[in-house]
Amino acid sequence: MAEAVVDDKGRILIPAPLRKQCGIKEGMVISFESKDGDLILKPSRKRRAGLGELKGINPKRTGEPRWTTPEEIKGIWG
């Protein structure tokens, strides 16, 4: 049986073998349930949205970046 210590902010570290066995990855949402005095943690397949996704500025990468030409920059500044 694996054990963990609760820190002063209520956080625990789930041991790596258990994370791997349960498929828990960074950013994954974990559900908590109390049943008959036991605490049950259930990994969800949902992923927490990052800040870029929330702001709508998370563009899909489609290949090599195209650098702006000096003419385009001059056109922006007038």
C-alpha atoms as a PDB file:
ATOM      1  CA  MET A   1       0.000   0.000   0.000  1.00  0.00           C
ATOM      2  CA  ALA A   2       1.388   3.387  -0.980  1.00  0.00           C
ATOM      3  CA  GLU A   3       1.261   6.341   1.415  1.00  0.00           C
ATOM      4  CA  ALA A   4       1.597  10.111   1.086  1.00  0.00           C
ATOM      5  CA  VAL A   5       1.835  13.028   3.508  1.00  0.00           C
ATOM      6  CA  VAL A   6      -0.638  15.920   3.311  1.00  0.00           C
ATOM      7  CA  ASP A   7       1.180  19.277   3.213  1.00  0.00           C
ATOM      8  CA  ASP A   8       0.052  22.538   4.866  1.00  0.00           C
ATOM      9  CA  LYS A   9      -2.072  23.429   1.808  1.00  0.00           C
ATOM     10  CA  GLY A  10      -3.895  20.087   1.757  1.00  0.00           C
ATOM     11  CA  ARG A  11      -1.931  18.720  -1.208  1.00  0.00           C
ATOM     12  CA  ILE A  12      -0.738  15.156  -1.615  1.00  0.00           C
ATOM     13  CA  LEU A  13       1.646  13.558  -4.063  1.00  0.00           C
ATOM     14  CA  ILE A  14       0.243  10.487  -5.794  1.00  0.00           C
ATOM     15  CA  PRO A  15       3.149   8.027  -6.195  1.00  0.00           C
ATOM     16  CA  ALA A  16       4.375   7.646  -9.788  1.00  0.00           C
ATOM     17  CA  PRO A  17       3.545   3.897 -10.082  1.00  0.00           C
ATOM     18  CA  LEU A  18      -0.082   4.593  -9.108  1.00  0.00           C
ATOM     19  CA  ARG A  19      -0.310   7.582 -11.499  1.00  0.00           C
ATOM     20  CA  LYS A  20       0.989   5.397 -14.324  1.00  0.00           C
ATOM     21  CA  GLN A  21      -1.324   2.482 -13.421  1.00  0.00           C
ATOM     22  CA  CYS A  22      -4.388   4.774 -13.339  1.00  0.00           C
ATOM     23  CA  GLY A  23      -3.390   6.828 -16.381  1.00  0.00           C
ATOM     24  CA  ILE A  24      -3.187  10.089 -14.415  1.00  0.00           C
ATOM     25  CA  LYS A  25      -1.348  12.793 -16.342  1.00  0.00           C
ATOM     26  CA  GLU A  26      -0.508  16.441 -15.692  1.00  0.00           C
ATOM     27  CA  GLY A  27      -3.552  18.711 -15.992  1.00  0.00           C
ATOM     28  CA  MET A  28      -6.033  15.843 -15.604  1.00  0.00           C
ATOM     29  CA  VAL A  29      -9.121  16.415 -13.452  1.00  0.00           C
ATOM     30  CA  ILE A  30      -9.509  14.148 -10.404  1.00  0.00           C
ATOM     31  CA  SER A  31     -12.926  13.536  -8.798  1.00  0.00           C
ATOM     32  CA  PHE A  32     -13.215  13.016  -5.026  1.00  0.00           C
ATOM     33  CA  GLU A  33     -15.919  10.964  -3.340  1.00  0.00           C
ATOM     34  CA  SER A  34     -16.498  10.013   0.278  1.00  0.00           C
ATOM     35  CA  LYS A  35     -18.042   6.596   0.846  1.00  0.00           C
ATOM     36  CA  ASP A  36     -18.425   4.874   4.228  1.00  0.00           C
ATOM     37  CA  GLY A  37     -15.606   6.979   5.707  1.00  0.00           C
ATOM     38  CA  ASP A  38     -13.212   6.269   2.827  1.00  0.00           C
ATOM     39  CA  LEU A  39     -11.932   8.856   0.370  1.00  0.00           C
ATOM     40  CA  ILE A  40     -12.122   7.699  -3.248  1.00  0.00           C
ATOM     41  CA  LEU A  41     -10.163   9.458  -5.997  1.00  0.00           C
ATOM     42  CA  LYS A  42     -11.285   8.893  -9.575  1.00  0.00           C
ATOM     43  CA  PRO A  43      -9.338  10.147 -12.571  1.00  0.00           C
ATOM     44  CA  SER A  44     -11.485  11.800 -15.193  1.00  0.00           C
ATOM     45  CA  ARG A  45     -10.647  11.713 -18.881  1.00  0.00           C
ATOM     46  CA  LYS A  46     -11.349  15.445 -18.968  1.00  0.00           C
ATOM     47  CA  ARG A  47      -8.391  17.784 -19.057  1.00  0.00           C
ATOM     48  CA  ARG A  48      -8.259  21.140 -17.348  1.00  0.00           C
ATOM     49  CA  ALA A  49      -8.153  23.958 -19.893  1.00  0.00           C
ATOM     50  CA  GLY A  50      -4.986  26.005 -19.959  1.00  0.00           C
ATOM     51  CA  LEU A  51      -4.941  29.790 -19.795  1.00  0.00           C
ATOM     52  CA  GLY A  52      -4.327  30.082 -23.542  1.00  0.00           C
ATOM     53  CA  GLU A  53      -7.325  27.885 -24.292  1.00  0.00           C
ATOM     54  CA  LEU A  54      -9.548  29.920 -21.982  1.00  0.00           C
ATOM     55  CA  LYS A  55      -8.562  33.163 -23.688  1.00  0.00           C
ATOM     56  CA  GLY A  56      -9.007  31.617 -27.135  1.00  0.00           C
ATOM     57  CA  ILE A  57      -5.391  32.242 -28.117  1.00  0.00           C
ATOM     58  CA  ASN A  58      -4.227  28.671 -28.513  1.00  0.00           C
ATOM     59  CA  PRO A  59      -3.775  28.395 -32.294  1.00  0.00           C
ATOM     60  CA  LYS A  60      -3.165  25.049 -33.914  1.00  0.00           C
ATOM     61  CA  ARG A  61       0.365  24.736 -35.266  1.00  0.00           C
ATOM     62  CA  THR A  62       0.258  23.964 -38.974  1.00  0.00           C
ATOM     63  CA  GLY A  63       3.916  23.857 -39.939  1.00  0.00           C
ATOM     64  CA  GLU A  64       6.861  26.190 -40.218  1.00  0.00           C
ATOM     65  CA  PRO A  65       6.358  29.788 -39.078  1.00  0.00           C
ATOM     66  CA  ARG A  66       6.316  32.473 -41.759  1.00  0.00           C
ATOM     67  CA  TRP A  67       8.297  35.499 -40.695  1.00  0.00           C
ATOM     68  CA  THR A  68       6.892  38.955 -41.324  1.00  0.00           C
ATOM     69  CA  THR A  69       8.671  40.896 -44.058  1.00  0.00           C
ATOM     70  CA  PRO A  70      10.005  44.429 -43.468  1.00  0.00           C
ATOM     71  CA  GLU A  71       7.400  45.721 -45.932  1.00  0.00           C
ATOM     72  CA  GLU A  72       4.576  44.202 -43.908  1.00  0.00           C
ATOM     73  CA  ILE A  73       5.952  45.754 -40.717  1.00  0.00           C
ATOM     74  CA  LYS A  74       6.225  49.168 -42.402  1.00  0.00           C
ATOM     75  CA  GLY A  75       2.603  48.770 -43.581  1.00  0.00           C
ATOM     76  CA  ILE A  76       1.474  48.248 -40.001  1.00  0.00           C
ATOM     77  CA  TRP A  77       3.163  51.409 -38.729  1.00  0.00           C
ATOM     78  CA  GLY A  78       2.179  53.496 -41.731  1.00  0.00           C
END
